[in-house]
């Protein structure tokens, strides 16, 4: 397993201005959560990893630690979960019948004593098939996954357009930079939302009708909130995810060319909206949610084509 050179990691981390950092993670957290201990952490510090010292202890920014850990392929919870993400892409490419069940479970959005939880589902979530008559804090979304388009069906110009993201490097960004295309242009760093914004803008410039999508990328044991671009082809909104595929290849959890950047991925995602929307609200506040996901093989004859509201609550 190849890790990036430490100097390159620190150089990339330092492209994010210090004003976006919160130095509240100590060295024990760096080791326990991000698996960054000696000698790697000492070497990163020698190369200029941002930190602050107080009371004889060093403190780090959580996102800096996450990015260093990811670049070094260390077994942090994020990296271990990420190793499961390619399963859904392989299922689509191989046309293997698979059923995903996403159990959405919400917790109260406030820990203030006496708070009475008042759960509500946004209309966009109800449109996925969640039953509004059931308790809003728990519901299950179902998706049957199969082939959703072959790579040869896309217009000739899309592969070249999608290849433009190869000059970007995935980086876990502070929320303030999620939509900042000027930051992307200056640094070549992007998370999934920023890369999707770029691809949608470029696709529209090239004469396609494109939109950004927010929702869930199906994965077991936990699905994840995600952004991806969609292009209207033959009157149908069509999901692609070239930046995620490229990033998975760079992290060496997906083999090069195992999944084409132009693979259609409609059945691999639940689209909710264009921008971030909380799946569950508690008295108008975001409610933390768990997205426990089961992956069940199906017989070939059991798979139906997924639709925009291919979900039911249970």
C-alpha atoms as a PDB file:
ATOM      1  CA  UNK A   1       0.000   0.000   0.000  1.00  0.00           C
ATOM      2  CA  UNK A   2       1.631   3.220  -1.165  1.00  0.00           C
ATOM      3  CA  UNK A   3       1.359   6.347   0.964  1.00  0.00           C
ATOM      4  CA  UNK A   4       2.034   9.866  -0.240  1.00  0.00           C
ATOM      5  CA  UNK A   5       5.345  11.544   0.646  1.00  0.00           C
ATOM      6  CA  UNK A   6       5.046  13.412   3.934  1.00  0.00           C
ATOM      7  CA  UNK A   7       6.343  16.664   2.426  1.00  0.00           C
ATOM      8  CA  UNK A   8       3.583  16.615  -0.207  1.00  0.00           C
ATOM      9  CA  UNK A   9       0.948  15.988   2.461  1.00  0.00           C
ATOM     10  CA  UNK A  10       2.036  18.963   4.568  1.00  0.00           C
ATOM     11  CA  UNK A  11       2.336  21.218   1.536  1.00  0.00           C
ATOM     12  CA  UNK A  12      -1.221  20.403   0.514  1.00  0.00           C
ATOM     13  CA  UNK A  13      -2.576  20.849   4.043  1.00  0.00           C
ATOM     14  CA  UNK A  14      -0.973  24.289   4.275  1.00  0.00           C
ATOM     15  CA  UNK A  15      -2.833  25.491   1.184  1.00  0.00           C
ATOM     16  CA  UNK A  16      -5.857  25.918   3.465  1.00  0.00           C
ATOM     17  CA  UNK A  17      -5.520  29.272   5.281  1.00  0.00           C
ATOM     18  CA  UNK A  18      -5.039  29.168   9.071  1.00  0.00           C
ATOM     19  CA  UNK A  19      -8.195  31.219   9.669  1.00  0.00           C
ATOM     20  CA  UNK A  20     -10.250  28.091   8.937  1.00  0.00           C
ATOM     21  CA  UNK A  21      -8.490  25.965  11.561  1.00  0.00           C
ATOM     22  CA  UNK A  22      -9.635  25.050  15.058  1.00  0.00           C
ATOM     23  CA  UNK A  23      -6.767  23.680  17.139  1.00  0.00           C
ATOM     24  CA  UNK A  24      -8.626  21.468  19.594  1.00  0.00           C
ATOM     25  CA  UNK A  25      -7.274  17.949  18.930  1.00  0.00           C
ATOM     26  CA  UNK A  26      -4.449  16.724  21.173  1.00  0.00           C
ATOM     27  CA  UNK A  27      -1.777  14.138  20.408  1.00  0.00           C
ATOM     28  CA  UNK A  28      -3.727  11.345  22.089  1.00  0.00           C
ATOM     29  CA  UNK A  29      -6.638  11.975  19.703  1.00  0.00           C
ATOM     30  CA  UNK A  30      -4.247  12.056  16.759  1.00  0.00           C
ATOM     31  CA  UNK A  31      -3.179   8.541  17.685  1.00  0.00           C
ATOM     32  CA  UNK A  32      -6.465   7.090  18.899  1.00  0.00           C
ATOM     33  CA  UNK A  33      -8.764   8.316  16.110  1.00  0.00           C
ATOM     34  CA  UNK A  34      -6.452   9.097  13.201  1.00  0.00           C
ATOM     35  CA  UNK A  35      -3.705   6.544  13.974  1.00  0.00           C
ATOM     36  CA  UNK A  36      -1.066   9.267  13.726  1.00  0.00           C
ATOM     37  CA  UNK A  37       1.679   8.468  16.215  1.00  0.00           C
ATOM     38  CA  UNK A  38       5.442   8.613  16.271  1.00  0.00           C
ATOM     39  CA  UNK A  39       7.397   8.693  14.066  1.00  0.00           C
ATOM     40  CA  UNK A  40       4.869   9.891  11.427  1.00  0.00           C
ATOM     41  CA  UNK A  41       3.466  12.723  13.544  1.00  0.00           C
ATOM     42  CA  UNK A  42       6.944  13.935  14.521  1.00  0.00           C
ATOM     43  CA  UNK A  43       8.022  13.917  10.880  1.00  0.00           C
ATOM     44  CA  UNK A  44       4.904  15.848   9.865  1.00  0.00           C
ATOM     45  CA  UNK A  45       5.611  18.425  12.570  1.00  0.00           C
ATOM     46  CA  UNK A  46       9.196  18.812  11.393  1.00  0.00           C
ATOM     47  CA  UNK A  47       7.853  19.521   7.904  1.00  0.00           C
ATOM     48  CA  UNK A  48       5.489  22.240   9.147  1.00  0.00           C
ATOM     49  CA  UNK A  49       2.174  20.563  10.044  1.00  0.00           C
ATOM     50  CA  UNK A  50       0.076  23.395  11.572  1.00  0.00           C
ATOM     51  CA  UNK A  51      -0.363  23.135  15.347  1.00  0.00           C
ATOM     52  CA  UNK A  52      -0.545  25.172  18.517  1.00  0.00           C
ATOM     53  CA  UNK A  53       1.127  24.520  21.874  1.00  0.00           C
ATOM     54  CA  UNK A  54      -0.429  25.106  25.271  1.00  0.00           C
ATOM     55  CA  UNK A  55       0.529  23.794  28.705  1.00  0.00           C
ATOM     56  CA  UNK A  56       3.165  21.530  27.266  1.00  0.00           C
ATOM     57  CA  UNK A  57       0.679  19.844  24.891  1.00  0.00           C
ATOM     58  CA  UNK A  58       0.371  20.199  21.117  1.00  0.00           C
ATOM     59  CA  UNK A  59      -3.043  20.762  19.548  1.00  0.00           C
ATOM     60  CA  UNK A  60      -4.070  20.164  15.936  1.00  0.00           C
ATOM     61  CA  UNK A  61      -6.941  20.910  13.602  1.00  0.00           C
ATOM     62  CA  UNK A  62      -9.253  17.926  13.147  1.00  0.00           C
ATOM     63  CA  UNK A  63      -9.424  18.272   9.355  1.00  0.00           C
ATOM     64  CA  UNK A  64      -5.621  18.471   9.071  1.00  0.00           C
ATOM     65  CA  UNK A  65      -5.319  15.221  11.023  1.00  0.00           C
ATOM     66  CA  UNK A  66      -8.018  13.597   8.890  1.00  0.00           C
ATOM     67  CA  UNK A  67      -6.311  14.615   5.651  1.00  0.00           C
ATOM     68  CA  UNK A  68      -2.888  13.421   6.813  1.00  0.00           C
ATOM     69  CA  UNK A  69      -4.303  10.112   8.010  1.00  0.00           C
ATOM     70  CA  UNK A  70      -6.165   9.578   4.740  1.00  0.00           C
ATOM     71  CA  UNK A  71      -3.121  10.406   2.613  1.00  0.00           C
ATOM     72  CA  UNK A  72      -1.019   7.947   4.622  1.00  0.00           C
ATOM     73  CA  UNK A  73      -3.697   5.209   4.256  1.00  0.00           C
ATOM     74  CA  UNK A  74      -3.825   4.770   8.031  1.00  0.00           C
ATOM     75  CA  UNK A  75      -6.650   2.612   9.477  1.00  0.00           C
ATOM     76  CA  UNK A  76      -8.780   5.460  10.796  1.00  0.00           C
ATOM     77  CA  UNK A  77     -12.569   4.922  10.962  1.00  0.00           C
ATOM     78  CA  UNK A  78     -12.959   7.036   7.802  1.00  0.00           C
ATOM     79  CA  UNK A  79     -10.451   5.025   5.795  1.00  0.00           C
ATOM     80  CA  UNK A  80     -11.845   1.685   6.973  1.00  0.00           C
ATOM     81  CA  UNK A  81     -15.349   2.777   5.951  1.00  0.00           C
ATOM     82  CA  UNK A  82     -14.074   4.127   2.649  1.00  0.00           C
ATOM     83  CA  UNK A  83     -12.720   0.698   1.699  1.00  0.00           C
ATOM     84  CA  UNK A  84     -16.339  -0.477   1.430  1.00  0.00           C
ATOM     85  CA  UNK A  85     -17.493   2.315  -0.874  1.00  0.00           C
ATOM     86  CA  UNK A  86     -16.415   0.627  -4.147  1.00  0.00           C
ATOM     87  CA  UNK A  87     -18.906  -2.229  -3.583  1.00  0.00           C
ATOM     88  CA  UNK A  88     -21.819  -0.208  -4.952  1.00  0.00           C
ATOM     89  CA  UNK A  89     -19.861   0.849  -8.060  1.00  0.00           C
ATOM     90  CA  UNK A  90     -18.880  -2.756  -8.768  1.00  0.00           C
ATOM     91  CA  UNK A  91     -22.491  -3.881  -8.364  1.00  0.00           C
ATOM     92  CA  UNK A  92     -23.605  -1.396 -11.017  1.00  0.00           C
ATOM     93  CA  UNK A  93     -20.798  -2.237 -13.427  1.00  0.00           C
ATOM     94  CA  UNK A  94     -21.262  -6.008 -13.076  1.00  0.00           C
ATOM     95  CA  UNK A  95     -25.069  -5.764 -13.061  1.00  0.00           C
ATOM     96  CA  UNK A  96     -25.187  -7.867  -9.888  1.00  0.00           C
ATOM     97  CA  UNK A  97     -28.651  -7.791  -8.309  1.00  0.00           C
ATOM     98  CA  UNK A  98     -28.293  -6.232  -4.866  1.00  0.00           C
ATOM     99  CA  UNK A  99     -30.770  -4.694  -2.456  1.00  0.00           C
ATOM    100  CA  UNK A 100     -29.710  -1.909  -0.110  1.00  0.00           C
ATOM    101  CA  UNK A 101     -31.767  -1.052   2.965  1.00  0.00           C
ATOM    102  CA  UNK A 102     -30.867   2.237   4.663  1.00  0.00           C
ATOM    103  CA  UNK A 103     -32.185   2.437   8.217  1.00  0.00           C
ATOM    104  CA  UNK A 104     -32.356   6.147   9.060  1.00  0.00           C
ATOM    105  CA  UNK A 105     -32.438   6.672  12.815  1.00  0.00           C
ATOM    106  CA  UNK A 106     -32.441  10.175  14.326  1.00  0.00           C
ATOM    107  CA  UNK A 107     -31.435  11.464  17.750  1.00  0.00           C
ATOM    108  CA  UNK A 108     -32.645  14.633  19.443  1.00  0.00           C
ATOM    109  CA  UNK A 109     -31.122  17.776  17.990  1.00  0.00           C
ATOM    110  CA  UNK A 110     -30.688  19.402  21.414  1.00  0.00           C
ATOM    111  CA  UNK A 111     -29.317  18.219  24.746  1.00  0.00           C
ATOM    112  CA  UNK A 112     -30.909  21.079  26.693  1.00  0.00           C
ATOM    113  CA  UNK A 113     -32.645  19.680  29.809  1.00  0.00           C
ATOM    114  CA  UNK A 114     -36.386  19.447  29.310  1.00  0.00           C
ATOM    115  CA  UNK A 115     -36.183  19.561  25.498  1.00  0.00           C
ATOM    116  CA  UNK A 116     -39.102  17.749  23.911  1.00  0.00           C
ATOM    117  CA  UNK A 117     -38.079  16.104  20.666  1.00  0.00           C
ATOM    118  CA  UNK A 118     -40.303  17.087  17.759  1.00  0.00           C
ATOM    119  CA  UNK A 119     -39.133  15.205  14.684  1.00  0.00           C
ATOM    120  CA  UNK A 120     -40.116  16.247  11.167  1.00  0.00           C
ATOM    121  CA  UNK A 121     -39.092  15.072   7.704  1.00  0.00           C
ATOM    122  CA  UNK A 122     -38.478  17.635   4.934  1.00  0.00           C
ATOM    123  CA  UNK A 123     -40.672  17.282   1.853  1.00  0.00           C
ATOM    124  CA  UNK A 124     -37.641  16.208  -0.184  1.00  0.00           C
ATOM    125  CA  UNK A 125     -37.093  13.248   2.142  1.00  0.00           C
ATOM    126  CA  UNK A 126     -40.772  12.317   2.115  1.00  0.00           C
ATOM    127  CA  UNK A 127     -40.513  12.184  -1.694  1.00  0.00           C
ATOM    128  CA  UNK A 128     -38.057   9.292  -1.358  1.00  0.00           C
ATOM    129  CA  UNK A 129     -40.856   7.157   0.038  1.00  0.00           C
ATOM    130  CA  UNK A 130     -40.617   7.738   3.784  1.00  0.00           C
ATOM    131  CA  UNK A 131     -44.122   7.454   5.254  1.00  0.00           C
ATOM    132  CA  UNK A 132     -45.097  10.703   7.069  1.00  0.00           C
ATOM    133  CA  UNK A 133     -47.582   8.779   9.255  1.00  0.00           C
ATOM    134  CA  UNK A 134     -44.777   6.800  10.909  1.00  0.00           C
ATOM    135  CA  UNK A 135     -42.463   8.036  13.646  1.00  0.00           C
ATOM    136  CA  UNK A 136     -40.187  10.468  11.831  1.00  0.00           C
ATOM    137  CA  UNK A 137     -37.149   9.542  13.874  1.00  0.00           C
ATOM    138  CA  UNK A 138     -36.896   6.095  12.240  1.00  0.00           C
ATOM    139  CA  UNK A 139     -37.579   4.982   8.683  1.00  0.00           C
ATOM    140  CA  UNK A 140     -36.016   2.717   6.071  1.00  0.00           C
ATOM    141  CA  UNK A 141     -35.213   3.472   2.445  1.00  0.00           C
ATOM    142  CA  UNK A 142     -34.922   0.603  -0.033  1.00  0.00           C
ATOM    143  CA  UNK A 143     -33.047   0.552  -3.316  1.00  0.00           C
ATOM    144  CA  UNK A 144     -32.597  -2.326  -5.731  1.00  0.00           C
ATOM    145  CA  UNK A 145     -29.330  -1.876  -7.581  1.00  0.00           C
ATOM    146  CA  UNK A 146     -28.514  -3.105 -11.061  1.00  0.00           C
ATOM    147  CA  UNK A 147     -27.149  -1.829 -14.328  1.00  0.00           C
ATOM    148  CA  UNK A 148     -28.193   1.765 -14.964  1.00  0.00           C
ATOM    149  CA  UNK A 149     -26.517   2.536 -18.257  1.00  0.00           C
ATOM    150  CA  UNK A 150     -23.329   1.498 -20.021  1.00  0.00           C
ATOM    151  CA  UNK A 151     -20.267   3.647 -20.523  1.00  0.00           C
ATOM    152  CA  UNK A 152     -20.630   3.649 -24.306  1.00  0.00           C
ATOM    153  CA  UNK A 153     -23.951   5.480 -24.159  1.00  0.00           C
ATOM    154  CA  UNK A 154     -22.630   8.861 -23.026  1.00  0.00           C
ATOM    155  CA  UNK A 155     -21.980  11.730 -25.475  1.00  0.00           C
ATOM    156  CA  UNK A 156     -18.490  11.871 -26.915  1.00  0.00           C
ATOM    157  CA  UNK A 157     -17.530  15.085 -25.099  1.00  0.00           C
ATOM    158  CA  UNK A 158     -18.260  13.925 -21.554  1.00  0.00           C
ATOM    159  CA  UNK A 159     -15.161  11.720 -21.024  1.00  0.00           C
ATOM    160  CA  UNK A 160     -12.899  14.651 -21.913  1.00  0.00           C
ATOM    161  CA  UNK A 161     -14.828  16.974 -19.611  1.00  0.00           C
ATOM    162  CA  UNK A 162     -14.758  14.507 -16.719  1.00  0.00           C
ATOM    163  CA  UNK A 163     -11.006  14.048 -17.189  1.00  0.00           C
ATOM    164  CA  UNK A 164     -10.491  17.665 -16.099  1.00  0.00           C
ATOM    165  CA  UNK A 165     -10.908  16.656 -12.433  1.00  0.00           C
ATOM    166  CA  UNK A 166      -7.730  14.564 -12.650  1.00  0.00           C
ATOM    167  CA  UNK A 167      -5.722  17.705 -11.829  1.00  0.00           C
ATOM    168  CA  UNK A 168      -7.559  18.112  -8.507  1.00  0.00           C
ATOM    169  CA  UNK A 169      -6.694  16.381  -5.248  1.00  0.00           C
ATOM    170  CA  UNK A 170      -9.311  15.273  -2.798  1.00  0.00           C
ATOM    171  CA  UNK A 171      -9.173  17.221   0.454  1.00  0.00           C
ATOM    172  CA  UNK A 172     -11.508  17.295   3.438  1.00  0.00           C
ATOM    173  CA  UNK A 173     -12.395  20.981   3.568  1.00  0.00           C
ATOM    174  CA  UNK A 174     -13.893  23.326   6.168  1.00  0.00           C
ATOM    175  CA  UNK A 175     -17.559  24.075   5.493  1.00  0.00           C
ATOM    176  CA  UNK A 176     -16.758  27.683   4.559  1.00  0.00           C
ATOM    177  CA  UNK A 177     -14.876  26.474   1.467  1.00  0.00           C
ATOM    178  CA  UNK A 178     -17.397  23.916   0.179  1.00  0.00           C
ATOM    179  CA  UNK A 179     -18.710  26.166  -2.571  1.00  0.00           C
ATOM    180  CA  UNK A 180     -15.620  28.300  -3.212  1.00  0.00           C
ATOM    181  CA  UNK A 181     -14.578  27.713  -6.815  1.00  0.00           C
ATOM    182  CA  UNK A 182     -11.922  30.436  -6.504  1.00  0.00           C
ATOM    183  CA  UNK A 183     -10.261  28.363  -3.762  1.00  0.00           C
ATOM    184  CA  UNK A 184     -10.332  25.354  -6.082  1.00  0.00           C
ATOM    185  CA  UNK A 185      -8.738  27.363  -8.887  1.00  0.00           C
ATOM    186  CA  UNK A 186      -5.987  28.621  -6.581  1.00  0.00           C
ATOM    187  CA  UNK A 187      -5.174  25.354  -4.819  1.00  0.00           C
ATOM    188  CA  UNK A 188      -6.485  22.426  -6.934  1.00  0.00           C
ATOM    189  CA  UNK A 189      -8.020  21.017  -3.739  1.00  0.00           C
ATOM    190  CA  UNK A 190     -11.621  19.840  -3.756  1.00  0.00           C
ATOM    191  CA  UNK A 191     -14.054  17.761  -1.788  1.00  0.00           C
ATOM    192  CA  UNK A 192     -16.994  16.080  -3.517  1.00  0.00           C
ATOM    193  CA  UNK A 193     -19.236  19.142  -3.383  1.00  0.00           C
ATOM    194  CA  UNK A 194     -16.628  21.488  -4.802  1.00  0.00           C
ATOM    195  CA  UNK A 195     -15.688  19.060  -7.587  1.00  0.00           C
ATOM    196  CA  UNK A 196     -19.383  18.632  -8.424  1.00  0.00           C
ATOM    197  CA  UNK A 197     -19.859  22.399  -8.611  1.00  0.00           C
ATOM    198  CA  UNK A 198     -16.922  22.610 -11.000  1.00  0.00           C
ATOM    199  CA  UNK A 199     -18.174  19.804 -13.266  1.00  0.00           C
ATOM    200  CA  UNK A 200     -21.702  21.203 -13.389  1.00  0.00           C
ATOM    201  CA  UNK A 201     -20.398  24.645 -14.311  1.00  0.00           C
ATOM    202  CA  UNK A 202     -18.130  23.220 -17.019  1.00  0.00           C
ATOM    203  CA  UNK A 203     -20.861  20.964 -18.406  1.00  0.00           C
ATOM    204  CA  UNK A 204     -23.250  23.893 -18.699  1.00  0.00           C
ATOM    205  CA  UNK A 205     -20.518  25.929 -20.398  1.00  0.00           C
ATOM    206  CA  UNK A 206     -20.096  23.104 -22.920  1.00  0.00           C
ATOM    207  CA  UNK A 207     -23.791  23.145 -23.775  1.00  0.00           C
ATOM    208  CA  UNK A 208     -25.069  20.307 -21.584  1.00  0.00           C
ATOM    209  CA  UNK A 209     -27.905  20.682 -19.109  1.00  0.00           C
ATOM    210  CA  UNK A 210     -26.332  19.782 -15.776  1.00  0.00           C
ATOM    211  CA  UNK A 211     -27.152  20.040 -12.094  1.00  0.00           C
ATOM    212  CA  UNK A 212     -25.494  19.347  -8.767  1.00  0.00           C
ATOM    213  CA  UNK A 213     -27.036  16.652  -6.586  1.00  0.00           C
ATOM    214  CA  UNK A 214     -26.966  16.034  -2.850  1.00  0.00           C
ATOM    215  CA  UNK A 215     -28.143  12.824  -1.234  1.00  0.00           C
ATOM    216  CA  UNK A 216     -26.908   9.428  -0.137  1.00  0.00           C
ATOM    217  CA  UNK A 217     -24.269   7.208  -1.692  1.00  0.00           C
ATOM    218  CA  UNK A 218     -25.233   3.656  -0.805  1.00  0.00           C
ATOM    219  CA  UNK A 219     -22.663   1.717   1.181  1.00  0.00           C
ATOM    220  CA  UNK A 220     -22.651  -0.983   3.820  1.00  0.00           C
ATOM    221  CA  UNK A 221     -22.477  -0.911   6.827  1.00  0.00           C
ATOM    222  CA  UNK A 222     -23.203   2.838   6.614  1.00  0.00           C
ATOM    223  CA  UNK A 223     -24.321   4.970   3.695  1.00  0.00           C
ATOM    224  CA  UNK A 224     -22.925   8.491   3.465  1.00  0.00           C
ATOM    225  CA  UNK A 225     -24.022  12.022   2.630  1.00  0.00           C
ATOM    226  CA  UNK A 226     -22.601  12.883  -0.754  1.00  0.00           C
ATOM    227  CA  UNK A 227     -22.569  15.303  -3.723  1.00  0.00           C
ATOM    228  CA  UNK A 228     -22.297  14.326  -7.384  1.00  0.00           C
ATOM    229  CA  UNK A 229     -23.046  15.860 -10.815  1.00  0.00           C
ATOM    230  CA  UNK A 230     -25.952  14.916 -13.052  1.00  0.00           C
ATOM    231  CA  UNK A 231     -26.392  15.577 -16.767  1.00  0.00           C
ATOM    232  CA  UNK A 232     -29.696  15.432 -18.647  1.00  0.00           C
ATOM    233  CA  UNK A 233     -29.270  12.893 -21.442  1.00  0.00           C
ATOM    234  CA  UNK A 234     -32.172  12.054 -23.758  1.00  0.00           C
ATOM    235  CA  UNK A 235     -34.504  13.817 -21.336  1.00  0.00           C
ATOM    236  CA  UNK A 236     -33.353  11.843 -18.274  1.00  0.00           C
ATOM    237  CA  UNK A 237     -31.229  13.168 -15.409  1.00  0.00           C
ATOM    238  CA  UNK A 238     -28.200  10.880 -15.325  1.00  0.00           C
ATOM    239  CA  UNK A 239     -25.874  10.523 -12.335  1.00  0.00           C
ATOM    240  CA  UNK A 240     -22.088  10.335 -12.693  1.00  0.00           C
ATOM    241  CA  UNK A 241     -19.307  10.451 -10.114  1.00  0.00           C
ATOM    242  CA  UNK A 242     -15.940  10.767 -11.869  1.00  0.00           C
ATOM    243  CA  UNK A 243     -14.240  12.549  -8.957  1.00  0.00           C
ATOM    244  CA  UNK A 244     -15.153   9.886  -6.413  1.00  0.00           C
ATOM    245  CA  UNK A 245     -14.035   7.133  -8.782  1.00  0.00           C
ATOM    246  CA  UNK A 246     -10.707   8.887  -9.391  1.00  0.00           C
ATOM    247  CA  UNK A 247     -10.194   9.461  -5.659  1.00  0.00           C
ATOM    248  CA  UNK A 248     -10.910   5.817  -4.835  1.00  0.00           C
ATOM    249  CA  UNK A 249      -8.303   4.820  -7.386  1.00  0.00           C
ATOM    250  CA  UNK A 250      -5.751   7.160  -5.818  1.00  0.00           C
ATOM    251  CA  UNK A 251      -6.506   5.718  -2.380  1.00  0.00           C
ATOM    252  CA  UNK A 252      -5.916   2.263  -3.891  1.00  0.00           C
ATOM    253  CA  UNK A 253      -9.262   0.851  -2.857  1.00  0.00           C
ATOM    254  CA  UNK A 254     -10.449   0.734  -6.480  1.00  0.00           C
ATOM    255  CA  UNK A 255      -8.310  -0.614  -9.309  1.00  0.00           C
ATOM    256  CA  UNK A 256      -7.560   1.743 -12.211  1.00  0.00           C
ATOM    257  CA  UNK A 257     -10.167   1.383 -14.973  1.00  0.00           C
ATOM    258  CA  UNK A 258     -12.230  -0.981 -12.810  1.00  0.00           C
ATOM    259  CA  UNK A 259     -15.076   1.544 -13.031  1.00  0.00           C
ATOM    260  CA  UNK A 260     -15.222   4.035 -15.876  1.00  0.00           C
ATOM    261  CA  UNK A 261     -15.534   7.721 -15.017  1.00  0.00           C
ATOM    262  CA  UNK A 262     -18.538   7.771 -17.374  1.00  0.00           C
ATOM    263  CA  UNK A 263     -20.377   4.906 -15.701  1.00  0.00           C
ATOM    264  CA  UNK A 264     -24.011   5.839 -15.095  1.00  0.00           C
ATOM    265  CA  UNK A 265     -24.770   5.516 -11.375  1.00  0.00           C
ATOM    266  CA  UNK A 266     -28.452   6.333 -10.936  1.00  0.00           C
ATOM    267  CA  UNK A 267     -29.178   3.205  -8.906  1.00  0.00           C
ATOM    268  CA  UNK A 268     -26.194   3.777  -6.578  1.00  0.00           C
ATOM    269  CA  UNK A 269     -27.533   6.983  -5.043  1.00  0.00           C
ATOM    270  CA  UNK A 270     -30.589   8.547  -3.450  1.00  0.00           C
ATOM    271  CA  UNK A 271     -30.897  12.107  -4.735  1.00  0.00           C
ATOM    272  CA  UNK A 272     -32.566  14.452  -2.248  1.00  0.00           C
ATOM    273  CA  UNK A 273     -31.895  17.980  -3.512  1.00  0.00           C
ATOM    274  CA  UNK A 274     -29.295  20.245  -5.090  1.00  0.00           C
ATOM    275  CA  UNK A 275     -27.949  21.547  -1.794  1.00  0.00           C
ATOM    276  CA  UNK A 276     -27.495  19.975   1.624  1.00  0.00           C
ATOM    277  CA  UNK A 277     -30.745  19.149   3.395  1.00  0.00           C
ATOM    278  CA  UNK A 278     -31.028  17.560   6.821  1.00  0.00           C
ATOM    279  CA  UNK A 279     -32.742  14.178   6.590  1.00  0.00           C
ATOM    280  CA  UNK A 280     -34.560  14.731   9.883  1.00  0.00           C
ATOM    281  CA  UNK A 281     -35.255  17.906  11.839  1.00  0.00           C
ATOM    282  CA  UNK A 282     -35.983  18.221  15.545  1.00  0.00           C
ATOM    283  CA  UNK A 283     -38.021  21.337  16.347  1.00  0.00           C
ATOM    284  CA  UNK A 284     -36.445  23.069  13.347  1.00  0.00           C
ATOM    285  CA  UNK A 285     -32.891  22.010  14.224  1.00  0.00           C
ATOM    286  CA  UNK A 286     -30.770  19.398  12.454  1.00  0.00           C
ATOM    287  CA  UNK A 287     -31.211  16.005  14.094  1.00  0.00           C
ATOM    288  CA  UNK A 288     -28.116  13.740  14.086  1.00  0.00           C
ATOM    289  CA  UNK A 289     -28.832  10.593  12.076  1.00  0.00           C
ATOM    290  CA  UNK A 290     -27.394   7.114  11.743  1.00  0.00           C
ATOM    291  CA  UNK A 291     -27.493   5.553   8.256  1.00  0.00           C
ATOM    292  CA  UNK A 292     -27.042   1.860   9.059  1.00  0.00           C
ATOM    293  CA  UNK A 293     -27.225   0.043   5.734  1.00  0.00           C
ATOM    294  CA  UNK A 294     -27.720  -3.631   4.904  1.00  0.00           C
ATOM    295  CA  UNK A 295     -26.658  -5.082   1.584  1.00  0.00           C
ATOM    296  CA  UNK A 296     -28.577  -8.148   0.442  1.00  0.00           C
ATOM    297  CA  UNK A 297     -27.929 -10.147  -2.769  1.00  0.00           C
ATOM    298  CA  UNK A 298     -31.009 -10.802  -4.908  1.00  0.00           C
ATOM    299  CA  UNK A 299     -31.891 -13.275  -7.613  1.00  0.00           C
ATOM    300  CA  UNK A 300     -31.576 -11.870 -11.125  1.00  0.00           C
ATOM    301  CA  UNK A 301     -35.316 -11.868 -11.596  1.00  0.00           C
ATOM    302  CA  UNK A 302     -35.941  -9.929  -8.403  1.00  0.00           C
ATOM    303  CA  UNK A 303     -34.405  -6.637  -9.448  1.00  0.00           C
ATOM    304  CA  UNK A 304     -36.683  -3.865 -10.644  1.00  0.00           C
ATOM    305  CA  UNK A 305     -35.607  -0.613 -12.213  1.00  0.00           C
ATOM    306  CA  UNK A 306     -35.173   2.036  -9.520  1.00  0.00           C
ATOM    307  CA  UNK A 307     -37.332   5.110  -9.764  1.00  0.00           C
ATOM    308  CA  UNK A 308     -37.144   8.551  -8.208  1.00  0.00           C
ATOM    309  CA  UNK A 309     -39.160   7.435  -5.179  1.00  0.00           C
ATOM    310  CA  UNK A 310     -37.855   3.882  -4.860  1.00  0.00           C
ATOM    311  CA  UNK A 311     -38.073   3.865  -1.080  1.00  0.00           C
ATOM    312  CA  UNK A 312     -40.469   2.817   1.619  1.00  0.00           C
ATOM    313  CA  UNK A 313     -40.566   3.486   5.304  1.00  0.00           C
ATOM    314  CA  UNK A 314     -40.760   0.729   7.869  1.00  0.00           C
END
